[in-house]
Amino acid sequence: MDATLGFSDIYRQHAAAVFRLAWLLTGDRNDAEDLTSEAFARALAGEGRIVHATVRSYLYAIVRNLATSRLRRPAVEVADDDRLAESAAADPGPEQLAELRQRLARASAGLATLHEGERQVLLLCGLHGLDTAEAADALGLAPGHVRVRLHRARRRLEALLADPLAD
């Protein structure tokens, strides 16, 4: 561990970001808390020194590996359809609600059909708002690979949502 920063300093600086990544990867607050705790415990118990310049990447890699081993294909939870429909339109009619539910179902099904790497990149960039460099750091990839995965994931979802007959 870096002599200038104690473990508690590292925790204070990076815990929120590590938790956000864990929550994005698992979709569950309790699992995210467990993964965050486990990541910091493993970092503390690690035999090597923690280099401050790369500590966030190191913690992200631990969380990513733990999430992958626990949840091979995580289910993406979608909020209650009626609540989403109400926030999308103040007074939606029955046709609008039905169309929104169909689009949400297709989007959810589309997310489930994406390759794991594409889904992770889409969730990190699209849902959490990370830029490609931050997502690359979180996933241990080159930024170019993240951009390619993001492009492919968006195209697949666009095609699915554009086709009203898609299941």
N, C-alpha and C. Protein backbone atom coordinates (compact mmCIF):
# COMPACT_ATOMS: atom_id res chain seq x y z
N MET A 1 0.85 -1.16 0.00
CA MET A 1 0.00 0.00 0.00
C MET A 1 0.89 1.23 0.00
N ASP A 2 0.48 2.26 -0.70
CA ASP A 2 1.22 3.50 -0.79
C ASP A 2 1.39 4.10 0.61
N ALA A 3 2.61 4.48 0.96
CA ALA A 3 2.89 4.98 2.30
C ALA A 3 2.21 6.30 2.58
N THR A 4 1.94 7.10 1.55
CA THR A 4 1.34 8.41 1.77
C THR A 4 -0.17 8.31 1.99
N LEU A 5 -0.79 7.25 1.56
CA LEU A 5 -2.23 7.09 1.73
C LEU A 5 -2.51 5.82 2.51
N GLY A 6 -3.30 5.95 3.55
CA GLY A 6 -3.71 4.77 4.29
C GLY A 6 -4.89 4.10 3.60
N PHE A 7 -5.20 2.92 4.06
CA PHE A 7 -6.31 2.19 3.46
C PHE A 7 -7.62 2.93 3.64
N SER A 8 -7.81 3.57 4.78
CA SER A 8 -9.06 4.31 5.01
C SER A 8 -9.19 5.48 4.03
N ASP A 9 -8.06 6.10 3.67
CA ASP A 9 -8.09 7.17 2.66
C ASP A 9 -8.50 6.62 1.30
N ILE A 10 -7.94 5.48 0.95
CA ILE A 10 -8.27 4.85 -0.33
C ILE A 10 -9.75 4.48 -0.34
N TYR A 11 -10.25 3.95 0.77
CA TYR A 11 -11.66 3.59 0.85
C TYR A 11 -12.54 4.82 0.66
N ARG A 12 -12.24 5.89 1.37
CA ARG A 12 -13.05 7.11 1.26
C ARG A 12 -13.05 7.66 -0.17
N GLN A 13 -11.93 7.58 -0.84
CA GLN A 13 -11.82 8.14 -2.19
C GLN A 13 -12.53 7.30 -3.24
N HIS A 14 -12.57 5.99 -3.04
CA HIS A 14 -13.01 5.11 -4.13
C HIS A 14 -14.24 4.26 -3.84
N ALA A 15 -14.72 4.24 -2.62
CA ALA A 15 -15.83 3.36 -2.27
C ALA A 15 -17.09 3.64 -3.08
N ALA A 16 -17.43 4.90 -3.26
CA ALA A 16 -18.66 5.23 -4.00
C ALA A 16 -18.58 4.77 -5.45
N ALA A 17 -17.45 4.99 -6.08
CA ALA A 17 -17.29 4.59 -7.49
C ALA A 17 -17.31 3.06 -7.63
N VAL A 18 -16.67 2.38 -6.71
CA VAL A 18 -16.65 0.91 -6.75
C VAL A 18 -18.06 0.38 -6.52
N PHE A 19 -18.78 0.97 -5.59
CA PHE A 19 -20.15 0.56 -5.33
C PHE A 19 -21.03 0.77 -6.57
N ARG A 20 -20.90 1.93 -7.23
CA ARG A 20 -21.70 2.19 -8.43
C ARG A 20 -21.45 1.14 -9.51
N LEU A 21 -20.18 0.80 -9.70
CA LEU A 21 -19.86 -0.24 -10.69
C LEU A 21 -20.49 -1.57 -10.28
N ALA A 22 -20.35 -1.94 -9.03
CA ALA A 22 -20.92 -3.20 -8.56
C ALA A 22 -22.43 -3.23 -8.74
N TRP A 23 -23.08 -2.10 -8.47
CA TRP A 23 -24.53 -2.03 -8.62
C TRP A 23 -24.92 -2.16 -10.08
N LEU A 24 -24.16 -1.53 -10.95
CA LEU A 24 -24.45 -1.65 -12.38
C LEU A 24 -24.27 -3.08 -12.88
N LEU A 25 -23.27 -3.75 -12.37
CA LEU A 25 -22.99 -5.10 -12.83
C LEU A 25 -23.97 -6.12 -12.27
N THR A 26 -24.50 -5.87 -11.08
CA THR A 26 -25.40 -6.85 -10.46
C THR A 26 -26.86 -6.48 -10.56
N GLY A 27 -27.16 -5.18 -10.58
CA GLY A 27 -28.54 -4.74 -10.60
C GLY A 27 -29.23 -4.86 -9.25
N ASP A 28 -28.47 -5.15 -8.21
CA ASP A 28 -29.05 -5.35 -6.89
C ASP A 28 -28.19 -4.64 -5.85
N ARG A 29 -28.83 -3.83 -5.01
CA ARG A 29 -28.09 -3.05 -4.02
C ARG A 29 -27.35 -3.93 -3.03
N ASN A 30 -28.00 -4.98 -2.54
CA ASN A 30 -27.35 -5.87 -1.56
C ASN A 30 -26.15 -6.58 -2.15
N ASP A 31 -26.29 -7.08 -3.38
CA ASP A 31 -25.15 -7.72 -4.05
C ASP A 31 -24.03 -6.72 -4.28
N ALA A 32 -24.39 -5.49 -4.62
CA ALA A 32 -23.38 -4.46 -4.86
C ALA A 32 -22.61 -4.15 -3.57
N GLU A 33 -23.33 -4.08 -2.45
CA GLU A 33 -22.66 -3.84 -1.17
C GLU A 33 -21.71 -4.98 -0.85
N ASP A 34 -22.16 -6.22 -1.09
CA ASP A 34 -21.30 -7.38 -0.84
C ASP A 34 -20.05 -7.34 -1.72
N LEU A 35 -20.23 -7.04 -3.00
CA LEU A 35 -19.09 -7.00 -3.91
C LEU A 35 -18.12 -5.88 -3.54
N THR A 36 -18.65 -4.74 -3.13
CA THR A 36 -17.79 -3.63 -2.72
C THR A 36 -16.97 -4.01 -1.50
N SER A 37 -17.62 -4.58 -0.52
CA SER A 37 -16.91 -5.02 0.69
C SER A 37 -15.84 -6.05 0.35
N GLU A 38 -16.22 -7.00 -0.48
CA GLU A 38 -15.28 -8.06 -0.87
C GLU A 38 -14.09 -7.49 -1.64
N ALA A 39 -14.34 -6.52 -2.50
CA ALA A 39 -13.24 -5.93 -3.29
C ALA A 39 -12.24 -5.24 -2.37
N PHE A 40 -12.72 -4.47 -1.41
CA PHE A 40 -11.81 -3.78 -0.50
C PHE A 40 -11.11 -4.77 0.44
N ALA A 41 -11.81 -5.82 0.84
CA ALA A 41 -11.18 -6.83 1.69
C ALA A 41 -10.06 -7.54 0.94
N ARG A 42 -10.31 -7.85 -0.32
CA ARG A 42 -9.27 -8.50 -1.12
C ARG A 42 -8.09 -7.57 -1.39
N ALA A 43 -8.39 -6.31 -1.61
CA ALA A 43 -7.31 -5.34 -1.82
C ALA A 43 -6.46 -5.20 -0.55
N LEU A 44 -7.10 -5.17 0.60
CA LEU A 44 -6.39 -5.05 1.86
C LEU A 44 -5.56 -6.30 2.15
N ALA A 45 -6.12 -7.46 1.83
CA ALA A 45 -5.44 -8.72 2.10
C ALA A 45 -4.38 -9.06 1.04
N GLY A 46 -4.39 -8.34 -0.07
CA GLY A 46 -3.44 -8.62 -1.14
C GLY A 46 -2.00 -8.49 -0.68
N GLU A 47 -1.15 -9.30 -1.24
CA GLU A 47 0.25 -9.33 -0.82
C GLU A 47 1.04 -8.16 -1.40
N GLY A 48 0.63 -7.65 -2.57
CA GLY A 48 1.38 -6.58 -3.21
C GLY A 48 0.99 -5.21 -2.69
N ARG A 49 1.77 -4.22 -3.08
CA ARG A 49 1.47 -2.84 -2.72
C ARG A 49 0.35 -2.32 -3.61
N ILE A 50 -0.50 -1.51 -3.05
CA ILE A 50 -1.53 -0.84 -3.83
C ILE A 50 -0.93 0.47 -4.32
N VAL A 51 -0.85 0.63 -5.61
CA VAL A 51 -0.31 1.84 -6.21
C VAL A 51 -1.46 2.82 -6.38
N HIS A 52 -1.33 3.99 -5.78
CA HIS A 52 -2.43 4.96 -5.78
C HIS A 52 -2.89 5.31 -7.19
N ALA A 53 -1.99 5.41 -8.13
CA ALA A 53 -2.37 5.81 -9.50
C ALA A 53 -3.28 4.78 -10.16
N THR A 54 -3.20 3.53 -9.75
CA THR A 54 -3.99 2.49 -10.40
C THR A 54 -4.96 1.79 -9.45
N VAL A 55 -5.18 2.34 -8.28
CA VAL A 55 -6.01 1.65 -7.30
C VAL A 55 -7.45 1.50 -7.77
N ARG A 56 -8.01 2.51 -8.43
CA ARG A 56 -9.39 2.40 -8.89
C ARG A 56 -9.52 1.29 -9.93
N SER A 57 -8.59 1.21 -10.85
CA SER A 57 -8.61 0.14 -11.86
C SER A 57 -8.50 -1.22 -11.20
N TYR A 58 -7.65 -1.30 -10.21
CA TYR A 58 -7.45 -2.55 -9.48
C TYR A 58 -8.75 -2.97 -8.79
N LEU A 59 -9.40 -2.03 -8.12
CA LEU A 59 -10.67 -2.33 -7.44
C LEU A 59 -11.76 -2.67 -8.44
N TYR A 60 -11.82 -1.94 -9.56
CA TYR A 60 -12.80 -2.24 -10.60
C TYR A 60 -12.60 -3.66 -11.14
N ALA A 61 -11.36 -4.05 -11.34
CA ALA A 61 -11.08 -5.40 -11.85
C ALA A 61 -11.55 -6.46 -10.87
N ILE A 62 -11.32 -6.22 -9.58
CA ILE A 62 -11.78 -7.17 -8.57
C ILE A 62 -13.30 -7.29 -8.61
N VAL A 63 -13.99 -6.16 -8.65
CA VAL A 63 -15.46 -6.18 -8.67
C VAL A 63 -15.96 -6.87 -9.93
N ARG A 64 -15.38 -6.55 -11.06
CA ARG A 64 -15.80 -7.15 -12.31
C ARG A 64 -15.63 -8.67 -12.27
N ASN A 65 -14.50 -9.13 -11.76
CA ASN A 65 -14.26 -10.57 -11.68
C ASN A 65 -15.21 -11.25 -10.69
N LEU A 66 -15.47 -10.60 -9.57
CA LEU A 66 -16.41 -11.17 -8.61
C LEU A 66 -17.82 -11.24 -9.18
N ALA A 67 -18.23 -10.18 -9.85
CA ALA A 67 -19.58 -10.16 -10.43
C ALA A 67 -19.71 -11.21 -11.52
N THR A 68 -18.69 -11.35 -12.33
CA THR A 68 -18.73 -12.34 -13.40
C THR A 68 -18.79 -13.76 -12.83
N SER A 69 -18.04 -14.02 -11.79
CA SER A 69 -18.06 -15.36 -11.22
C SER A 69 -19.37 -15.66 -10.49
N ARG A 70 -19.99 -14.64 -9.89
CA ARG A 70 -21.26 -14.85 -9.18
C ARG A 70 -22.46 -14.87 -10.12
N LEU A 71 -22.42 -14.03 -11.10
CA LEU A 71 -23.60 -13.83 -11.95
C LEU A 71 -23.20 -13.97 -13.42
N ARG A 72 -23.20 -15.15 -13.92
CA ARG A 72 -22.77 -15.36 -15.30
C ARG A 72 -23.60 -14.56 -16.30
N ARG A 73 -24.89 -14.53 -16.14
CA ARG A 73 -25.77 -13.73 -16.99
C ARG A 73 -26.75 -13.00 -16.10
N PRO A 74 -26.36 -11.83 -15.62
CA PRO A 74 -27.24 -11.14 -14.69
C PRO A 74 -28.53 -10.69 -15.36
N ALA A 75 -29.60 -10.80 -14.61
CA ALA A 75 -30.89 -10.32 -15.09
C ALA A 75 -30.94 -8.82 -14.91
N VAL A 76 -31.39 -8.13 -15.91
CA VAL A 76 -31.54 -6.69 -15.81
C VAL A 76 -32.94 -6.40 -15.31
N GLU A 77 -33.02 -5.77 -14.16
CA GLU A 77 -34.33 -5.47 -13.60
C GLU A 77 -34.83 -4.16 -14.17
N VAL A 78 -36.06 -4.18 -14.59
CA VAL A 78 -36.69 -2.98 -15.11
C VAL A 78 -37.72 -2.53 -14.10
N ALA A 79 -37.78 -1.24 -13.85
CA ALA A 79 -38.73 -0.70 -12.89
C ALA A 79 -40.16 -0.99 -13.34
N ASP A 80 -41.08 -0.85 -12.44
CA ASP A 80 -42.48 -1.10 -12.71
C ASP A 80 -42.95 -0.37 -13.97
N ASP A 81 -43.56 -1.11 -14.90
CA ASP A 81 -43.98 -0.54 -16.19
C ASP A 81 -44.92 0.65 -16.02
N ASP A 82 -45.87 0.56 -15.11
CA ASP A 82 -46.83 1.65 -14.94
C ASP A 82 -46.14 2.93 -14.47
N ARG A 83 -45.19 2.81 -13.55
CA ARG A 83 -44.48 3.98 -13.06
C ARG A 83 -43.65 4.61 -14.18
N LEU A 84 -43.01 3.78 -15.01
CA LEU A 84 -42.24 4.31 -16.14
C LEU A 84 -43.17 4.97 -17.15
N ALA A 85 -44.30 4.36 -17.37
CA ALA A 85 -45.24 4.94 -18.33
C ALA A 85 -45.74 6.29 -17.85
N GLU A 86 -46.01 6.41 -16.56
CA GLU A 86 -46.49 7.68 -16.00
C GLU A 86 -45.44 8.76 -16.10
N SER A 87 -44.16 8.38 -15.93
CA SER A 87 -43.12 9.40 -16.02
C SER A 87 -42.85 9.78 -17.47
N ALA A 88 -43.15 8.91 -18.40
CA ALA A 88 -42.92 9.20 -19.82
C ALA A 88 -43.98 10.15 -20.38
N ALA A 89 -45.20 10.05 -19.90
CA ALA A 89 -46.28 10.91 -20.38
C ALA A 89 -47.21 11.20 -19.22
N ALA A 90 -47.67 12.43 -19.13
CA ALA A 90 -48.52 12.83 -18.00
C ALA A 90 -49.85 12.09 -18.01
N ASP A 91 -50.51 12.00 -19.16
CA ASP A 91 -51.80 11.34 -19.28
C ASP A 91 -51.77 10.36 -20.45
N PRO A 92 -51.04 9.26 -20.34
CA PRO A 92 -50.98 8.34 -21.48
C PRO A 92 -52.30 7.60 -21.64
N GLY A 93 -52.66 7.40 -22.88
CA GLY A 93 -53.85 6.61 -23.17
C GLY A 93 -53.51 5.14 -23.15
N PRO A 94 -54.52 4.29 -23.26
CA PRO A 94 -54.28 2.84 -23.23
C PRO A 94 -53.35 2.38 -24.36
N GLU A 95 -53.49 3.00 -25.53
CA GLU A 95 -52.63 2.61 -26.66
C GLU A 95 -51.18 2.98 -26.37
N GLN A 96 -50.97 4.17 -25.79
CA GLN A 96 -49.61 4.59 -25.46
C GLN A 96 -48.99 3.70 -24.40
N LEU A 97 -49.78 3.33 -23.40
CA LEU A 97 -49.27 2.44 -22.36
C LEU A 97 -48.92 1.07 -22.94
N ALA A 98 -49.77 0.56 -23.80
CA ALA A 98 -49.50 -0.74 -24.42
C ALA A 98 -48.24 -0.68 -25.26
N GLU A 99 -48.08 0.40 -26.03
CA GLU A 99 -46.89 0.54 -26.86
C GLU A 99 -45.63 0.66 -26.01
N LEU A 100 -45.70 1.44 -24.94
CA LEU A 100 -44.56 1.60 -24.05
C LEU A 100 -44.18 0.27 -23.40
N ARG A 101 -45.18 -0.48 -22.96
CA ARG A 101 -44.90 -1.79 -22.36
C ARG A 101 -44.23 -2.72 -23.36
N GLN A 102 -44.69 -2.69 -24.61
CA GLN A 102 -44.07 -3.53 -25.64
C GLN A 102 -42.62 -3.12 -25.88
N ARG A 103 -42.38 -1.81 -25.95
CA ARG A 103 -41.01 -1.33 -26.16
C ARG A 103 -40.10 -1.69 -24.98
N LEU A 104 -40.63 -1.56 -23.77
CA LEU A 104 -39.84 -1.93 -22.59
C LEU A 104 -39.54 -3.43 -22.58
N ALA A 105 -40.52 -4.22 -22.94
CA ALA A 105 -40.31 -5.67 -22.99
C ALA A 105 -39.28 -6.03 -24.05
N ARG A 106 -39.36 -5.38 -25.23
CA ARG A 106 -38.37 -5.64 -26.27
C ARG A 106 -36.98 -5.18 -25.85
N ALA A 107 -36.90 -4.02 -25.18
CA ALA A 107 -35.60 -3.53 -24.71
C ALA A 107 -35.01 -4.47 -23.67
N SER A 108 -35.83 -4.92 -22.74
CA SER A 108 -35.37 -5.85 -21.72
C SER A 108 -34.91 -7.17 -22.35
N ALA A 109 -35.71 -7.67 -23.30
CA ALA A 109 -35.33 -8.90 -24.00
C ALA A 109 -34.06 -8.68 -24.81
N GLY A 110 -33.94 -7.51 -25.41
CA GLY A 110 -32.75 -7.20 -26.18
C GLY A 110 -31.51 -7.15 -25.31
N LEU A 111 -31.60 -6.56 -24.14
CA LEU A 111 -30.47 -6.54 -23.22
C LEU A 111 -30.05 -7.95 -22.84
N ALA A 112 -31.03 -8.81 -22.65
CA ALA A 112 -30.73 -10.19 -22.26
C ALA A 112 -30.04 -10.97 -23.38
N THR A 113 -30.27 -10.57 -24.65
CA THR A 113 -29.66 -11.29 -25.76
C THR A 113 -28.27 -10.78 -26.12
N LEU A 114 -27.89 -9.62 -25.59
CA LEU A 114 -26.56 -9.09 -25.89
C LEU A 114 -25.48 -9.96 -25.27
N HIS A 115 -24.32 -9.96 -25.89
CA HIS A 115 -23.17 -10.63 -25.30
C HIS A 115 -22.85 -9.93 -23.98
N GLU A 116 -22.30 -10.65 -23.04
CA GLU A 116 -22.01 -10.11 -21.71
C GLU A 116 -21.19 -8.82 -21.79
N GLY A 117 -20.16 -8.80 -22.61
CA GLY A 117 -19.32 -7.61 -22.73
C GLY A 117 -20.07 -6.42 -23.30
N GLU A 118 -20.93 -6.66 -24.26
CA GLU A 118 -21.72 -5.58 -24.84
C GLU A 118 -22.72 -5.03 -23.83
N ARG A 119 -23.34 -5.93 -23.07
CA ARG A 119 -24.31 -5.50 -22.06
C ARG A 119 -23.62 -4.67 -20.98
N GLN A 120 -22.44 -5.11 -20.52
CA GLN A 120 -21.72 -4.37 -19.50
C GLN A 120 -21.36 -2.97 -19.98
N VAL A 121 -20.86 -2.87 -21.21
CA VAL A 121 -20.48 -1.57 -21.75
C VAL A 121 -21.70 -0.67 -21.91
N LEU A 122 -22.79 -1.22 -22.40
CA LEU A 122 -24.01 -0.44 -22.59
C LEU A 122 -24.54 0.08 -21.26
N LEU A 123 -24.53 -0.75 -20.24
CA LEU A 123 -25.00 -0.32 -18.94
C LEU A 123 -24.08 0.74 -18.32
N LEU A 124 -22.78 0.53 -18.44
CA LEU A 124 -21.85 1.49 -17.87
C LEU A 124 -21.94 2.85 -18.56
N CYS A 125 -21.97 2.83 -19.89
CA CYS A 125 -21.98 4.10 -20.64
C CYS A 125 -23.39 4.68 -20.75
N GLY A 126 -24.36 3.87 -21.07
CA GLY A 126 -25.70 4.38 -21.30
C GLY A 126 -26.47 4.67 -20.04
N LEU A 127 -26.40 3.80 -19.08
CA LEU A 127 -27.18 3.96 -17.85
C LEU A 127 -26.44 4.80 -16.82
N HIS A 128 -25.16 4.49 -16.64
CA HIS A 128 -24.40 5.16 -15.59
C HIS A 128 -23.70 6.43 -16.07
N GLY A 129 -23.57 6.59 -17.37
CA GLY A 129 -22.99 7.81 -17.92
C GLY A 129 -21.48 7.87 -17.93
N LEU A 130 -20.82 6.74 -17.80
CA LEU A 130 -19.36 6.75 -17.90
C LEU A 130 -18.96 7.01 -19.35
N ASP A 131 -17.84 7.69 -19.53
CA ASP A 131 -17.34 7.83 -20.90
C ASP A 131 -16.56 6.57 -21.25
N THR A 132 -16.13 6.45 -22.50
CA THR A 132 -15.49 5.20 -22.94
C THR A 132 -14.19 4.94 -22.19
N ALA A 133 -13.45 5.98 -21.85
CA ALA A 133 -12.20 5.77 -21.11
C ALA A 133 -12.47 5.22 -19.71
N GLU A 134 -13.50 5.75 -19.04
CA GLU A 134 -13.85 5.26 -17.71
C GLU A 134 -14.38 3.82 -17.77
N ALA A 135 -15.20 3.54 -18.77
CA ALA A 135 -15.71 2.17 -18.93
C ALA A 135 -14.57 1.21 -19.25
N ALA A 136 -13.65 1.66 -20.08
CA ALA A 136 -12.49 0.83 -20.41
C ALA A 136 -11.68 0.53 -19.16
N ASP A 137 -11.49 1.52 -18.33
CA ASP A 137 -10.78 1.36 -17.07
C ASP A 137 -11.51 0.36 -16.18
N ALA A 138 -12.81 0.49 -16.10
CA ALA A 138 -13.61 -0.39 -15.25
C ALA A 138 -13.59 -1.83 -15.72
N LEU A 139 -13.55 -2.03 -17.02
CA LEU A 139 -13.63 -3.38 -17.57
C LEU A 139 -12.28 -3.96 -17.95
N GLY A 140 -11.23 -3.18 -17.82
CA GLY A 140 -9.90 -3.67 -18.17
C GLY A 140 -9.72 -3.84 -19.67
N LEU A 141 -10.32 -2.96 -20.45
CA LEU A 141 -10.24 -3.03 -21.91
C LEU A 141 -9.62 -1.76 -22.46
N ALA A 142 -9.25 -1.81 -23.71
CA ALA A 142 -8.81 -0.61 -24.40
C ALA A 142 -10.04 0.22 -24.76
N PRO A 143 -9.92 1.55 -24.75
CA PRO A 143 -11.07 2.39 -25.11
C PRO A 143 -11.67 2.07 -26.48
N GLY A 144 -10.84 1.68 -27.42
CA GLY A 144 -11.34 1.31 -28.74
C GLY A 144 -12.27 0.10 -28.69
N HIS A 145 -11.92 -0.87 -27.85
CA HIS A 145 -12.78 -2.05 -27.70
C HIS A 145 -14.13 -1.67 -27.08
N VAL A 146 -14.09 -0.74 -26.14
CA VAL A 146 -15.33 -0.28 -25.51
C VAL A 146 -16.21 0.40 -26.55
N ARG A 147 -15.61 1.25 -27.39
CA ARG A 147 -16.40 1.94 -28.42
C ARG A 147 -17.03 0.95 -29.39
N VAL A 148 -16.29 -0.08 -29.77
CA VAL A 148 -16.83 -1.09 -30.69
C VAL A 148 -17.99 -1.85 -30.03
N ARG A 149 -17.80 -2.28 -28.79
CA ARG A 149 -18.87 -3.00 -28.08
C ARG A 149 -20.10 -2.12 -27.89
N LEU A 150 -19.88 -0.86 -27.57
CA LEU A 150 -20.99 0.06 -27.37
C LEU A 150 -21.75 0.26 -28.68
N HIS A 151 -21.03 0.43 -29.76
CA HIS A 151 -21.66 0.61 -31.07
C HIS A 151 -22.50 -0.62 -31.44
N ARG A 152 -21.91 -1.80 -31.28
CA ARG A 152 -22.64 -3.04 -31.61
C ARG A 152 -23.88 -3.21 -30.74
N ALA A 153 -23.75 -2.94 -29.46
CA ALA A 153 -24.89 -3.09 -28.54
C ALA A 153 -26.01 -2.13 -28.92
N ARG A 154 -25.65 -0.89 -29.20
CA ARG A 154 -26.67 0.09 -29.58
C ARG A 154 -27.36 -0.30 -30.88
N ARG A 155 -26.61 -0.75 -31.85
CA ARG A 155 -27.20 -1.16 -33.14
C ARG A 155 -28.16 -2.32 -32.95
N ARG A 156 -27.78 -3.30 -32.15
CA ARG A 156 -28.66 -4.46 -31.91
C ARG A 156 -29.95 -4.04 -31.22
N LEU A 157 -29.83 -3.17 -30.23
CA LEU A 157 -31.04 -2.71 -29.54
C LEU A 157 -31.90 -1.83 -30.44
N GLU A 158 -31.28 -0.98 -31.24
CA GLU A 158 -32.04 -0.15 -32.18
C GLU A 158 -32.82 -1.02 -33.16
N ALA A 159 -32.17 -2.05 -33.68
CA ALA A 159 -32.84 -2.94 -34.62
C ALA A 159 -34.02 -3.65 -33.97
N LEU A 160 -33.82 -4.08 -32.75
CA LEU A 160 -34.89 -4.77 -32.04
C LEU A 160 -36.06 -3.83 -31.76
N LEU A 161 -35.76 -2.62 -31.32
CA LEU A 161 -36.83 -1.68 -31.00
C LEU A 161 -37.53 -1.13 -32.25
N ALA A 162 -36.82 -1.10 -33.36
CA ALA A 162 -37.42 -0.60 -34.60
C ALA A 162 -38.37 -1.62 -35.23
N ASP A 163 -38.19 -2.90 -34.92
CA ASP A 163 -39.02 -3.95 -35.49
C ASP A 163 -40.18 -4.25 -34.55
N PRO A 164 -41.39 -3.82 -34.89
CA PRO A 164 -42.54 -4.06 -33.99
C PRO A 164 -42.91 -5.53 -33.86
N LEU A 165 -42.41 -6.38 -34.75
CA LEU A 165 -42.73 -7.80 -34.69
C LEU A 165 -41.69 -8.59 -33.91
N ALA A 166 -40.63 -7.92 -33.47
CA ALA A 166 -39.58 -8.62 -32.75
C ALA A 166 -40.09 -9.08 -31.40
N ASP A 167 -39.62 -10.25 -30.98
CA ASP A 167 -40.03 -10.80 -29.68
C ASP A 167 -39.10 -10.33 -28.60
